[in-house]
């Protein structure tokens, strides 16, 4: 049995997916550029945890590589026998993509193309591309369904992800690759990205710093717990031909209500810094997971209350480490 290549293995979602594969006794090859989009010490922490997991069960090989560099990607494929690729390496963040769109193009679109080319050349038939609810743009319908139009992205981040999706279909059509694309909805949980709202809210409320809230705080997000996302991503390894699936909690929460849950969990009140709503932000996200339930037999298991509690528990267990991370 060959290995599973997990790109972005030291990122938030990539780490959890690789950890779950190792727990199942699978052999994992990890790629990560360890860039400084946020404090690399958190990525080093995750890498250390993966190496510990590999001593318990499964095998883990790590390559510090950038998927935007075709030669380095090809070298990884040359050195390993791979059964599948799960592409979780991405430049994330809607607002940051407006400031530096070129980096997003290199990683999210060109990086996906490099991986697809190597899959074609080395006979790897299964490819999973992590995509995002951001491709739906400012869709104001009740649910976001995979059949909705996605040709009006509001920021370079979502545009480069949509381009990667389109490339995946081309390689499925031309070369018969089995490709699954999960679209993630607002992922949160332990060891999350420091720039994302729940991580930042917990840290700032605990340390007495203001938390930034854009707009009136009444925007709704389909917050989805990391363990559910990782489980759904592994289910995407099943053969499907070509499929796109929403991975979301199907129960959006108002941002101010989530802040209230964090305040209750920490026993501290938040000081809010009100900021204008960014033009690339959407008012609400809500995943229609009907097709995901039917075809992947997946549904979220962790509600927002439990998810906040588990995230806060991790923060408390790693408080000094998290407090020393650069904002």
C-alpha atoms as a PDB file:
ATOM      1  CA  UNK A   1       0.000   0.000   0.000  1.00  0.00           C
ATOM      2  CA  UNK A   2       1.343   3.405  -0.941  1.00  0.00           C
ATOM      3  CA  UNK A   3       1.369   6.610   1.027  1.00  0.00           C
ATOM      4  CA  UNK A   4      -1.067   9.493   1.159  1.00  0.00           C
ATOM      5  CA  UNK A   5       0.482  12.844   0.278  1.00  0.00           C
ATOM      6  CA  UNK A   6      -0.884  15.644   2.469  1.00  0.00           C
ATOM      7  CA  UNK A   7       0.176  19.098   1.369  1.00  0.00           C
ATOM      8  CA  UNK A   8       0.038  21.862   3.940  1.00  0.00           C
ATOM      9  CA  UNK A   9       0.512  19.195   6.615  1.00  0.00           C
ATOM     10  CA  UNK A  10       1.618  21.741   9.222  1.00  0.00           C
ATOM     11  CA  UNK A  11      -1.358  23.991   8.592  1.00  0.00           C
ATOM     12  CA  UNK A  12      -4.499  23.881  10.687  1.00  0.00           C
ATOM     13  CA  UNK A  13      -6.556  21.446   8.606  1.00  0.00           C
ATOM     14  CA  UNK A  14      -3.597  19.607   7.073  1.00  0.00           C
ATOM     15  CA  UNK A  15      -2.229  18.790  10.514  1.00  0.00           C
ATOM     16  CA  UNK A  16      -5.520  17.302  11.687  1.00  0.00           C
ATOM     17  CA  UNK A  17      -5.995  15.289   8.484  1.00  0.00           C
ATOM     18  CA  UNK A  18      -2.443  13.913   8.670  1.00  0.00           C
ATOM     19  CA  UNK A  19      -2.915  13.107  12.364  1.00  0.00           C
ATOM     20  CA  UNK A  20      -6.119  11.190  11.613  1.00  0.00           C
ATOM     21  CA  UNK A  21      -4.444   9.228   8.805  1.00  0.00           C
ATOM     22  CA  UNK A  22      -1.571   8.300  11.109  1.00  0.00           C
ATOM     23  CA  UNK A  23      -4.050   7.206  13.785  1.00  0.00           C
ATOM     24  CA  UNK A  24      -5.524   4.836  11.205  1.00  0.00           C
ATOM     25  CA  UNK A  25      -2.072   3.358  10.608  1.00  0.00           C
ATOM     26  CA  UNK A  26      -1.590   4.931   7.180  1.00  0.00           C
ATOM     27  CA  UNK A  27       1.716   6.072   5.778  1.00  0.00           C
ATOM     28  CA  UNK A  28       1.750   9.844   5.279  1.00  0.00           C
ATOM     29  CA  UNK A  29       4.057  12.018   3.212  1.00  0.00           C
ATOM     30  CA  UNK A  30       3.763  15.637   4.280  1.00  0.00           C
ATOM     31  CA  UNK A  31       4.666  18.809   2.401  1.00  0.00           C
ATOM     32  CA  UNK A  32       4.684  22.271   3.928  1.00  0.00           C
ATOM     33  CA  UNK A  33       6.557  25.458   3.073  1.00  0.00           C
ATOM     34  CA  UNK A  34       6.432  26.613   6.723  1.00  0.00           C
ATOM     35  CA  UNK A  35       5.810  30.177   5.510  1.00  0.00           C
ATOM     36  CA  UNK A  36       5.339  33.086   7.890  1.00  0.00           C
ATOM     37  CA  UNK A  37       1.745  34.056   7.011  1.00  0.00           C
ATOM     38  CA  UNK A  38       1.299  33.528  10.748  1.00  0.00           C
ATOM     39  CA  UNK A  39       3.826  32.650  13.448  1.00  0.00           C
ATOM     40  CA  UNK A  40       5.756  29.579  12.172  1.00  0.00           C
ATOM     41  CA  UNK A  41       6.186  28.361  15.744  1.00  0.00           C
ATOM     42  CA  UNK A  42       2.622  27.079  15.658  1.00  0.00           C
ATOM     43  CA  UNK A  43       3.421  25.114  12.496  1.00  0.00           C
ATOM     44  CA  UNK A  44       6.535  23.731  14.186  1.00  0.00           C
ATOM     45  CA  UNK A  45       4.343  22.683  17.135  1.00  0.00           C
ATOM     46  CA  UNK A  46       2.003  20.805  14.812  1.00  0.00           C
ATOM     47  CA  UNK A  47       4.934  19.169  13.006  1.00  0.00           C
ATOM     48  CA  UNK A  48       6.314  17.984  16.318  1.00  0.00           C
ATOM     49  CA  UNK A  49       2.940  16.486  17.223  1.00  0.00           C
ATOM     50  CA  UNK A  50       2.804  14.619  13.899  1.00  0.00           C
ATOM     51  CA  UNK A  51       6.235  13.149  14.518  1.00  0.00           C
ATOM     52  CA  UNK A  52       5.088  11.965  17.938  1.00  0.00           C
ATOM     53  CA  UNK A  53       1.977  10.383  16.394  1.00  0.00           C
ATOM     54  CA  UNK A  54       4.133   8.613  13.813  1.00  0.00           C
ATOM     55  CA  UNK A  55       6.119   6.894  16.571  1.00  0.00           C
ATOM     56  CA  UNK A  56       2.853   5.531  17.946  1.00  0.00           C
ATOM     57  CA  UNK A  57       1.308   4.332  14.710  1.00  0.00           C
ATOM     58  CA  UNK A  58       1.741   4.888  10.992  1.00  0.00           C
ATOM     59  CA  UNK A  59       4.743   6.324   9.149  1.00  0.00           C
ATOM     60  CA  UNK A  60       5.450   9.965   8.419  1.00  0.00           C
ATOM     61  CA  UNK A  61       7.925  11.559   6.005  1.00  0.00           C
ATOM     62  CA  UNK A  62       8.182  15.347   5.877  1.00  0.00           C
ATOM     63  CA  UNK A  63       9.394  17.605   3.055  1.00  0.00           C
ATOM     64  CA  UNK A  64       9.807  21.331   3.498  1.00  0.00           C
ATOM     65  CA  UNK A  65       8.666  22.332   0.024  1.00  0.00           C
ATOM     66  CA  UNK A  66       6.519  24.894  -1.737  1.00  0.00           C
ATOM     67  CA  UNK A  67       3.883  23.386  -4.041  1.00  0.00           C
ATOM     68  CA  UNK A  68       4.279  26.465  -6.237  1.00  0.00           C
ATOM     69  CA  UNK A  69       7.756  25.129  -7.179  1.00  0.00           C
ATOM     70  CA  UNK A  70       7.199  22.389  -9.763  1.00  0.00           C
ATOM     71  CA  UNK A  71      10.662  20.851  -9.458  1.00  0.00           C
ATOM     72  CA  UNK A  72      10.411  20.386  -5.707  1.00  0.00           C
ATOM     73  CA  UNK A  73       6.944  18.828  -6.054  1.00  0.00           C
ATOM     74  CA  UNK A  74       8.217  16.450  -8.708  1.00  0.00           C
ATOM     75  CA  UNK A  75      11.089  15.425  -6.422  1.00  0.00           C
ATOM     76  CA  UNK A  76       8.623  14.396  -3.716  1.00  0.00           C
ATOM     77  CA  UNK A  77       6.629  12.296  -6.193  1.00  0.00           C
ATOM     78  CA  UNK A  78       9.867  10.690  -7.417  1.00  0.00           C
ATOM     79  CA  UNK A  79      10.843   9.620  -3.897  1.00  0.00           C
ATOM     80  CA  UNK A  80       7.548   8.047  -2.793  1.00  0.00           C
ATOM     81  CA  UNK A  81       4.894   5.638  -4.014  1.00  0.00           C
ATOM     82  CA  UNK A  82       1.619   7.486  -3.578  1.00  0.00           C
ATOM     83  CA  UNK A  83      -1.956   6.221  -3.564  1.00  0.00           C
ATOM     84  CA  UNK A  84      -3.599   9.622  -3.289  1.00  0.00           C
ATOM     85  CA  UNK A  85      -2.992  13.339  -2.831  1.00  0.00           C
ATOM     86  CA  UNK A  86      -4.907  15.554  -0.413  1.00  0.00           C
ATOM     87  CA  UNK A  87      -4.084  19.142  -1.331  1.00  0.00           C
ATOM     88  CA  UNK A  88      -4.531  21.271   1.771  1.00  0.00           C
ATOM     89  CA  UNK A  89      -1.668  23.673   1.062  1.00  0.00           C
ATOM     90  CA  UNK A  90      -3.130  27.103   0.419  1.00  0.00           C
ATOM     91  CA  UNK A  91      -2.738  30.744   1.099  1.00  0.00           C
ATOM     92  CA  UNK A  92      -5.858  31.452   3.120  1.00  0.00           C
ATOM     93  CA  UNK A  93      -7.580  34.630   4.230  1.00  0.00           C
ATOM     94  CA  UNK A  94      -9.967  36.741   2.198  1.00  0.00           C
ATOM     95  CA  UNK A  95      -8.708  40.146   3.324  1.00  0.00           C
ATOM     96  CA  UNK A  96      -4.995  39.310   2.977  1.00  0.00           C
ATOM     97  CA  UNK A  97      -5.542  38.130  -0.604  1.00  0.00           C
ATOM     98  CA  UNK A  98      -6.669  41.624  -1.570  1.00  0.00           C
ATOM     99  CA  UNK A  99      -3.281  42.964  -0.464  1.00  0.00           C
ATOM    100  CA  UNK A 100      -1.104  40.281  -2.101  1.00  0.00           C
ATOM    101  CA  UNK A 101      -3.004  38.423  -4.848  1.00  0.00           C
ATOM    102  CA  UNK A 102       0.141  37.105  -6.572  1.00  0.00           C
ATOM    103  CA  UNK A 103       1.076  34.857  -3.664  1.00  0.00           C
ATOM    104  CA  UNK A 104      -2.437  33.378  -3.691  1.00  0.00           C
ATOM    105  CA  UNK A 105      -2.197  32.694  -7.411  1.00  0.00           C
ATOM    106  CA  UNK A 106       1.169  30.948  -7.013  1.00  0.00           C
ATOM    107  CA  UNK A 107       0.065  28.621  -4.226  1.00  0.00           C
ATOM    108  CA  UNK A 108      -3.645  28.070  -4.723  1.00  0.00           C
ATOM    109  CA  UNK A 109      -3.798  27.830  -8.515  1.00  0.00           C
ATOM    110  CA  UNK A 110      -0.298  27.149  -9.819  1.00  0.00           C
ATOM    111  CA  UNK A 111       0.420  24.847  -6.874  1.00  0.00           C
ATOM    112  CA  UNK A 112      -2.686  22.789  -7.654  1.00  0.00           C
ATOM    113  CA  UNK A 113      -1.654  22.601 -11.307  1.00  0.00           C
ATOM    114  CA  UNK A 114       1.824  21.359 -10.316  1.00  0.00           C
ATOM    115  CA  UNK A 115       0.302  18.596  -8.186  1.00  0.00           C
ATOM    116  CA  UNK A 116      -2.151  17.569 -10.912  1.00  0.00           C
ATOM    117  CA  UNK A 117       0.652  17.381 -13.464  1.00  0.00           C
ATOM    118  CA  UNK A 118       2.687  15.165 -11.158  1.00  0.00           C
ATOM    119  CA  UNK A 119      -0.329  12.954 -10.456  1.00  0.00           C
ATOM    120  CA  UNK A 120      -0.763  12.533 -14.216  1.00  0.00           C
ATOM    121  CA  UNK A 121       2.923  11.759 -14.800  1.00  0.00           C
ATOM    122  CA  UNK A 122       3.290   9.361 -11.849  1.00  0.00           C
ATOM    123  CA  UNK A 123      -0.039   7.572 -12.223  1.00  0.00           C
ATOM    124  CA  UNK A 124      -1.674   8.827  -9.008  1.00  0.00           C
ATOM    125  CA  UNK A 125      -5.382   8.544  -9.739  1.00  0.00           C
ATOM    126  CA  UNK A 126      -6.980   9.976  -6.574  1.00  0.00           C
ATOM    127  CA  UNK A 127      -6.855  13.698  -5.837  1.00  0.00           C
ATOM    128  CA  UNK A 128      -8.641  15.678  -3.121  1.00  0.00           C
ATOM    129  CA  UNK A 129      -8.642  19.478  -3.398  1.00  0.00           C
ATOM    130  CA  UNK A 130      -9.619  21.515  -0.356  1.00  0.00           C
ATOM    131  CA  UNK A 131     -11.800  24.409  -1.472  1.00  0.00           C
ATOM    132  CA  UNK A 132     -13.830  27.013   0.344  1.00  0.00           C
ATOM    133  CA  UNK A 133     -17.299  28.397   0.905  1.00  0.00           C
ATOM    134  CA  UNK A 134     -15.862  31.715  -0.293  1.00  0.00           C
ATOM    135  CA  UNK A 135     -16.359  30.591  -3.906  1.00  0.00           C
ATOM    136  CA  UNK A 136     -20.099  31.199  -3.469  1.00  0.00           C
ATOM    137  CA  UNK A 137     -19.499  34.943  -3.175  1.00  0.00           C
ATOM    138  CA  UNK A 138     -22.268  37.064  -1.686  1.00  0.00           C
ATOM    139  CA  UNK A 139     -24.926  34.409  -2.103  1.00  0.00           C
ATOM    140  CA  UNK A 140     -27.906  35.500   0.005  1.00  0.00           C
ATOM    141  CA  UNK A 141     -29.979  32.354  -0.415  1.00  0.00           C
ATOM    142  CA  UNK A 142     -30.816  30.340   2.688  1.00  0.00           C
ATOM    143  CA  UNK A 143     -28.309  27.595   1.936  1.00  0.00           C
ATOM    144  CA  UNK A 144     -25.210  27.452  -0.232  1.00  0.00           C
ATOM    145  CA  UNK A 145     -25.636  24.413  -2.494  1.00  0.00           C
ATOM    146  CA  UNK A 146     -22.950  22.928  -4.723  1.00  0.00           C
ATOM    147  CA  UNK A 147     -25.247  23.629  -7.684  1.00  0.00           C
ATOM    148  CA  UNK A 148     -25.202  27.387  -6.970  1.00  0.00           C
ATOM    149  CA  UNK A 149     -23.266  29.719  -9.273  1.00  0.00           C
ATOM    150  CA  UNK A 150     -19.681  30.310  -8.196  1.00  0.00           C
ATOM    151  CA  UNK A 151     -18.496  32.655 -10.939  1.00  0.00           C
ATOM    152  CA  UNK A 152     -18.664  35.861  -8.884  1.00  0.00           C
ATOM    153  CA  UNK A 153     -15.799  35.548  -6.350  1.00  0.00           C
ATOM    154  CA  UNK A 154     -15.387  38.604  -4.153  1.00  0.00           C
ATOM    155  CA  UNK A 155     -11.623  38.361  -3.533  1.00  0.00           C
ATOM    156  CA  UNK A 156      -8.485  36.855  -5.093  1.00  0.00           C
ATOM    157  CA  UNK A 157      -8.530  34.080  -2.469  1.00  0.00           C
ATOM    158  CA  UNK A 158     -11.855  32.713  -3.661  1.00  0.00           C
ATOM    159  CA  UNK A 159     -10.998  33.393  -7.315  1.00  0.00           C
ATOM    160  CA  UNK A 160      -7.789  31.354  -7.103  1.00  0.00           C
ATOM    161  CA  UNK A 161      -9.645  28.524  -5.359  1.00  0.00           C
ATOM    162  CA  UNK A 162     -12.316  28.525  -8.068  1.00  0.00           C
ATOM    163  CA  UNK A 163      -9.563  28.376 -10.688  1.00  0.00           C
ATOM    164  CA  UNK A 164      -8.084  25.353  -8.913  1.00  0.00           C
ATOM    165  CA  UNK A 165     -11.483  23.657  -8.978  1.00  0.00           C
ATOM    166  CA  UNK A 166     -11.725  24.264 -12.726  1.00  0.00           C
ATOM    167  CA  UNK A 167      -8.271  22.774 -13.297  1.00  0.00           C
ATOM    168  CA  UNK A 168      -9.328  19.688 -11.354  1.00  0.00           C
ATOM    169  CA  UNK A 169     -12.264  19.106 -13.655  1.00  0.00           C
ATOM    170  CA  UNK A 170      -9.985  19.424 -16.702  1.00  0.00           C
ATOM    171  CA  UNK A 171      -7.658  16.728 -15.361  1.00  0.00           C
ATOM    172  CA  UNK A 172     -10.585  14.482 -14.470  1.00  0.00           C
ATOM    173  CA  UNK A 173     -11.943  14.869 -18.005  1.00  0.00           C
ATOM    174  CA  UNK A 174      -8.636  14.512 -19.821  1.00  0.00           C
ATOM    175  CA  UNK A 175      -6.910  11.824 -17.763  1.00  0.00           C
ATOM    176  CA  UNK A 176      -9.655  10.025 -15.874  1.00  0.00           C
ATOM    177  CA  UNK A 177      -8.442  11.162 -12.464  1.00  0.00           C
ATOM    178  CA  UNK A 178     -10.821  10.543  -9.567  1.00  0.00           C
ATOM    179  CA  UNK A 179     -11.212  13.953  -7.935  1.00  0.00           C
ATOM    180  CA  UNK A 180     -13.173  15.079  -4.900  1.00  0.00           C
ATOM    181  CA  UNK A 181     -13.464  18.712  -3.833  1.00  0.00           C
ATOM    182  CA  UNK A 182     -14.692  19.507  -0.306  1.00  0.00           C
ATOM    183  CA  UNK A 183     -15.716  23.128   0.232  1.00  0.00           C
ATOM    184  CA  UNK A 184     -15.022  24.046   3.848  1.00  0.00           C
ATOM    185  CA  UNK A 185     -17.185  26.390   5.901  1.00  0.00           C
ATOM    186  CA  UNK A 186     -15.439  28.499   8.602  1.00  0.00           C
ATOM    187  CA  UNK A 187     -13.280  25.887  10.293  1.00  0.00           C
ATOM    188  CA  UNK A 188     -12.279  26.362  13.935  1.00  0.00           C
ATOM    189  CA  UNK A 189     -10.894  24.323  16.810  1.00  0.00           C
ATOM    190  CA  UNK A 190      -7.755  23.519  18.837  1.00  0.00           C
ATOM    191  CA  UNK A 191      -4.421  24.635  17.327  1.00  0.00           C
ATOM    192  CA  UNK A 192      -6.275  26.751  14.778  1.00  0.00           C
ATOM    193  CA  UNK A 193      -5.033  29.633  12.686  1.00  0.00           C
ATOM    194  CA  UNK A 194      -4.235  32.683  14.855  1.00  0.00           C
ATOM    195  CA  UNK A 195      -5.725  35.080  12.300  1.00  0.00           C
ATOM    196  CA  UNK A 196      -9.155  33.452  12.427  1.00  0.00           C
ATOM    197  CA  UNK A 197     -11.876  34.888  14.600  1.00  0.00           C
ATOM    198  CA  UNK A 198     -12.405  32.268  17.318  1.00  0.00           C
ATOM    199  CA  UNK A 199      -8.680  31.759  17.985  1.00  0.00           C
ATOM    200  CA  UNK A 200      -8.122  35.515  18.142  1.00  0.00           C
ATOM    201  CA  UNK A 201     -11.199  36.111  20.288  1.00  0.00           C
ATOM    202  CA  UNK A 202     -10.161  33.523  22.882  1.00  0.00           C
ATOM    203  CA  UNK A 203      -6.601  34.827  23.103  1.00  0.00           C
ATOM    204  CA  UNK A 204      -7.561  38.501  23.231  1.00  0.00           C
ATOM    205  CA  UNK A 205     -10.401  38.113  25.717  1.00  0.00           C
ATOM    206  CA  UNK A 206      -8.165  36.079  28.019  1.00  0.00           C
ATOM    207  CA  UNK A 207      -5.350  38.641  27.844  1.00  0.00           C
ATOM    208  CA  UNK A 208      -7.647  41.673  28.131  1.00  0.00           C
ATOM    209  CA  UNK A 209      -7.029  42.955  24.614  1.00  0.00           C
ATOM    210  CA  UNK A 210      -9.792  44.299  22.346  1.00  0.00           C
ATOM    211  CA  UNK A 211     -11.240  41.904  19.787  1.00  0.00           C
ATOM    212  CA  UNK A 212     -11.848  43.187  16.257  1.00  0.00           C
ATOM    213  CA  UNK A 213     -15.433  42.860  15.052  1.00  0.00           C
ATOM    214  CA  UNK A 214     -16.197  43.936  11.496  1.00  0.00           C
ATOM    215  CA  UNK A 215     -19.604  45.435  10.768  1.00  0.00           C
ATOM    216  CA  UNK A 216     -22.361  45.090  13.375  1.00  0.00           C
ATOM    217  CA  UNK A 217     -21.357  41.596  14.561  1.00  0.00           C
ATOM    218  CA  UNK A 218     -24.656  40.129  13.382  1.00  0.00           C
ATOM    219  CA  UNK A 219     -23.147  38.312  10.429  1.00  0.00           C
ATOM    220  CA  UNK A 220     -23.728  34.570  10.532  1.00  0.00           C
ATOM    221  CA  UNK A 221     -21.109  31.912   9.939  1.00  0.00           C
ATOM    222  CA  UNK A 222     -21.482  28.167   9.593  1.00  0.00           C
ATOM    223  CA  UNK A 223     -18.692  27.454  12.085  1.00  0.00           C
ATOM    224  CA  UNK A 224     -17.481  23.866  11.602  1.00  0.00           C
ATOM    225  CA  UNK A 225     -15.300  22.002  14.090  1.00  0.00           C
ATOM    226  CA  UNK A 226     -11.914  20.772  12.895  1.00  0.00           C
ATOM    227  CA  UNK A 227     -12.491  17.108  13.812  1.00  0.00           C
ATOM    228  CA  UNK A 228     -15.613  17.044  11.641  1.00  0.00           C
ATOM    229  CA  UNK A 229     -13.712  18.660   8.775  1.00  0.00           C
ATOM    230  CA  UNK A 230     -10.866  16.125   9.007  1.00  0.00           C
ATOM    231  CA  UNK A 231     -13.316  13.223   9.101  1.00  0.00           C
ATOM    232  CA  UNK A 232     -15.153  14.548   6.050  1.00  0.00           C
ATOM    233  CA  UNK A 233     -11.879  15.079   4.192  1.00  0.00           C
ATOM    234  CA  UNK A 234     -10.864  11.442   4.690  1.00  0.00           C
ATOM    235  CA  UNK A 235     -14.273  10.349   3.422  1.00  0.00           C
ATOM    236  CA  UNK A 236     -13.398  12.244   0.246  1.00  0.00           C
ATOM    237  CA  UNK A 237     -10.763   9.582  -0.478  1.00  0.00           C
ATOM    238  CA  UNK A 238     -13.582   7.234  -1.525  1.00  0.00           C
ATOM    239  CA  UNK A 239     -13.995   6.861  -5.312  1.00  0.00           C
ATOM    240  CA  UNK A 240     -16.483   9.336  -6.752  1.00  0.00           C
ATOM    241  CA  UNK A 241     -15.380  10.137 -10.317  1.00  0.00           C
ATOM    242  CA  UNK A 242     -15.652  13.906  -9.899  1.00  0.00           C
ATOM    243  CA  UNK A 243     -17.576  15.431  -7.024  1.00  0.00           C
ATOM    244  CA  UNK A 244     -17.910  18.667  -5.076  1.00  0.00           C
ATOM    245  CA  UNK A 245     -19.225  18.532  -1.507  1.00  0.00           C
ATOM    246  CA  UNK A 246     -19.973  21.109   1.167  1.00  0.00           C
ATOM    247  CA  UNK A 247     -18.447  20.385   4.569  1.00  0.00           C
ATOM    248  CA  UNK A 248     -20.255  22.641   7.006  1.00  0.00           C
ATOM    249  CA  UNK A 249     -22.091  22.514  10.293  1.00  0.00           C
ATOM    250  CA  UNK A 250     -25.475  23.265   8.663  1.00  0.00           C
ATOM    251  CA  UNK A 251     -26.292  25.464  11.656  1.00  0.00           C
ATOM    252  CA  UNK A 252     -24.879  28.995  11.307  1.00  0.00           C
ATOM    253  CA  UNK A 253     -24.204  31.097  14.395  1.00  0.00           C
ATOM    254  CA  UNK A 254     -24.376  34.862  14.873  1.00  0.00           C
ATOM    255  CA  UNK A 255     -20.887  36.211  15.562  1.00  0.00           C
ATOM    256  CA  UNK A 256     -21.923  38.120  18.691  1.00  0.00           C
ATOM    257  CA  UNK A 257     -23.502  34.936  20.095  1.00  0.00           C
ATOM    258  CA  UNK A 258     -20.227  33.075  19.574  1.00  0.00           C
ATOM    259  CA  UNK A 259     -18.399  35.840  21.414  1.00  0.00           C
ATOM    260  CA  UNK A 260     -20.885  35.369  24.252  1.00  0.00           C
ATOM    261  CA  UNK A 261     -20.072  31.635  24.403  1.00  0.00           C
ATOM    262  CA  UNK A 262     -16.358  32.442  24.628  1.00  0.00           C
ATOM    263  CA  UNK A 263     -16.972  34.999  27.386  1.00  0.00           C
ATOM    264  CA  UNK A 264     -18.949  32.406  29.321  1.00  0.00           C
ATOM    265  CA  UNK A 265     -16.248  29.762  28.834  1.00  0.00           C
ATOM    266  CA  UNK A 266     -13.416  32.065  29.934  1.00  0.00           C
ATOM    267  CA  UNK A 267     -15.378  33.903  32.618  1.00  0.00           C
ATOM    268  CA  UNK A 268     -14.292  37.244  31.146  1.00  0.00           C
ATOM    269  CA  UNK A 269     -15.993  40.008  29.182  1.00  0.00           C
ATOM    270  CA  UNK A 270     -14.827  41.033  25.736  1.00  0.00           C
ATOM    271  CA  UNK A 271     -13.747  44.538  24.861  1.00  0.00           C
ATOM    272  CA  UNK A 272     -14.880  45.024  21.274  1.00  0.00           C
ATOM    273  CA  UNK A 273     -13.133  47.168  18.675  1.00  0.00           C
ATOM    274  CA  UNK A 274     -15.773  47.915  16.058  1.00  0.00           C
ATOM    275  CA  UNK A 275     -14.430  48.099  12.495  1.00  0.00           C
ATOM    276  CA  UNK A 276     -16.085  48.695   9.099  1.00  0.00           C
ATOM    277  CA  UNK A 277     -17.288  45.613   7.234  1.00  0.00           C
ATOM    278  CA  UNK A 278     -14.722  44.658   4.598  1.00  0.00           C
ATOM    279  CA  UNK A 279     -16.131  44.700   1.031  1.00  0.00           C
ATOM    280  CA  UNK A 280     -14.894  41.131   0.483  1.00  0.00           C
ATOM    281  CA  UNK A 281     -16.762  39.806   3.539  1.00  0.00           C
ATOM    282  CA  UNK A 282     -20.155  38.153   3.146  1.00  0.00           C
ATOM    283  CA  UNK A 283     -23.126  38.617   5.448  1.00  0.00           C
ATOM    284  CA  UNK A 284     -23.838  34.925   6.002  1.00  0.00           C
ATOM    285  CA  UNK A 285     -22.669  31.411   5.160  1.00  0.00           C
ATOM    286  CA  UNK A 286     -24.748  28.271   5.496  1.00  0.00           C
ATOM    287  CA  UNK A 287     -23.822  24.903   4.001  1.00  0.00           C
ATOM    288  CA  UNK A 288     -26.381  22.735   2.260  1.00  0.00           C
ATOM    289  CA  UNK A 289     -24.945  19.290   3.055  1.00  0.00           C
ATOM    290  CA  UNK A 290     -27.743  17.184   1.561  1.00  0.00           C
ATOM    291  CA  UNK A 291     -25.511  15.676  -1.119  1.00  0.00           C
ATOM    292  CA  UNK A 292     -22.640  15.255   1.353  1.00  0.00           C
ATOM    293  CA  UNK A 293     -24.843  13.215   3.692  1.00  0.00           C
ATOM    294  CA  UNK A 294     -26.098  11.035   0.842  1.00  0.00           C
ATOM    295  CA  UNK A 295     -22.909  10.366  -1.083  1.00  0.00           C
ATOM    296  CA  UNK A 296     -20.203  10.585   1.594  1.00  0.00           C
ATOM    297  CA  UNK A 297     -22.285   9.428   4.583  1.00  0.00           C
ATOM    298  CA  UNK A 298     -20.925  12.423   6.474  1.00  0.00           C
ATOM    299  CA  UNK A 299     -22.570  14.780   8.924  1.00  0.00           C
ATOM    300  CA  UNK A 300     -21.091  17.103  11.566  1.00  0.00           C
ATOM    301  CA  UNK A 301     -20.990  15.730  15.104  1.00  0.00           C
ATOM    302  CA  UNK A 302     -19.757  18.718  17.151  1.00  0.00           C
ATOM    303  CA  UNK A 303     -22.035  21.668  17.896  1.00  0.00           C
ATOM    304  CA  UNK A 304     -20.779  25.186  18.491  1.00  0.00           C
ATOM    305  CA  UNK A 305     -21.078  25.006  22.300  1.00  0.00           C
ATOM    306  CA  UNK A 306     -18.978  21.846  22.562  1.00  0.00           C
ATOM    307  CA  UNK A 307     -16.566  23.113  19.928  1.00  0.00           C
ATOM    308  CA  UNK A 308     -15.934  26.358  21.800  1.00  0.00           C
ATOM    309  CA  UNK A 309     -15.408  24.419  25.028  1.00  0.00           C
ATOM    310  CA  UNK A 310     -12.879  22.065  23.429  1.00  0.00           C
ATOM    311  CA  UNK A 311     -11.065  24.944  21.756  1.00  0.00           C
ATOM    312  CA  UNK A 312     -10.880  26.878  25.032  1.00  0.00           C
ATOM    313  CA  UNK A 313      -9.634  23.755  26.821  1.00  0.00           C
ATOM    314  CA  UNK A 314      -6.772  23.464  24.332  1.00  0.00           C
ATOM    315  CA  UNK A 315      -5.985  27.148  24.797  1.00  0.00           C
ATOM    316  CA  UNK A 316      -5.838  26.771  28.570  1.00  0.00           C
ATOM    317  CA  UNK A 317      -3.538  23.745  28.249  1.00  0.00           C
ATOM    318  CA  UNK A 318      -1.197  25.728  25.962  1.00  0.00           C
ATOM    319  CA  UNK A 319      -1.778  29.249  27.324  1.00  0.00           C
ATOM    320  CA  UNK A 320       1.836  30.402  27.650  1.00  0.00           C
ATOM    321  CA  UNK A 321       2.766  29.038  24.230  1.00  0.00           C
ATOM    322  CA  UNK A 322      -0.214  30.740  22.546  1.00  0.00           C
ATOM    323  CA  UNK A 323       0.307  34.030  24.393  1.00  0.00           C
ATOM    324  CA  UNK A 324       3.875  34.189  23.055  1.00  0.00           C
ATOM    325  CA  UNK A 325       2.841  33.683  19.437  1.00  0.00           C
ATOM    326  CA  UNK A 326       3.120  36.788  17.280  1.00  0.00           C
ATOM    327  CA  UNK A 327      -0.222  38.397  16.414  1.00  0.00           C
END
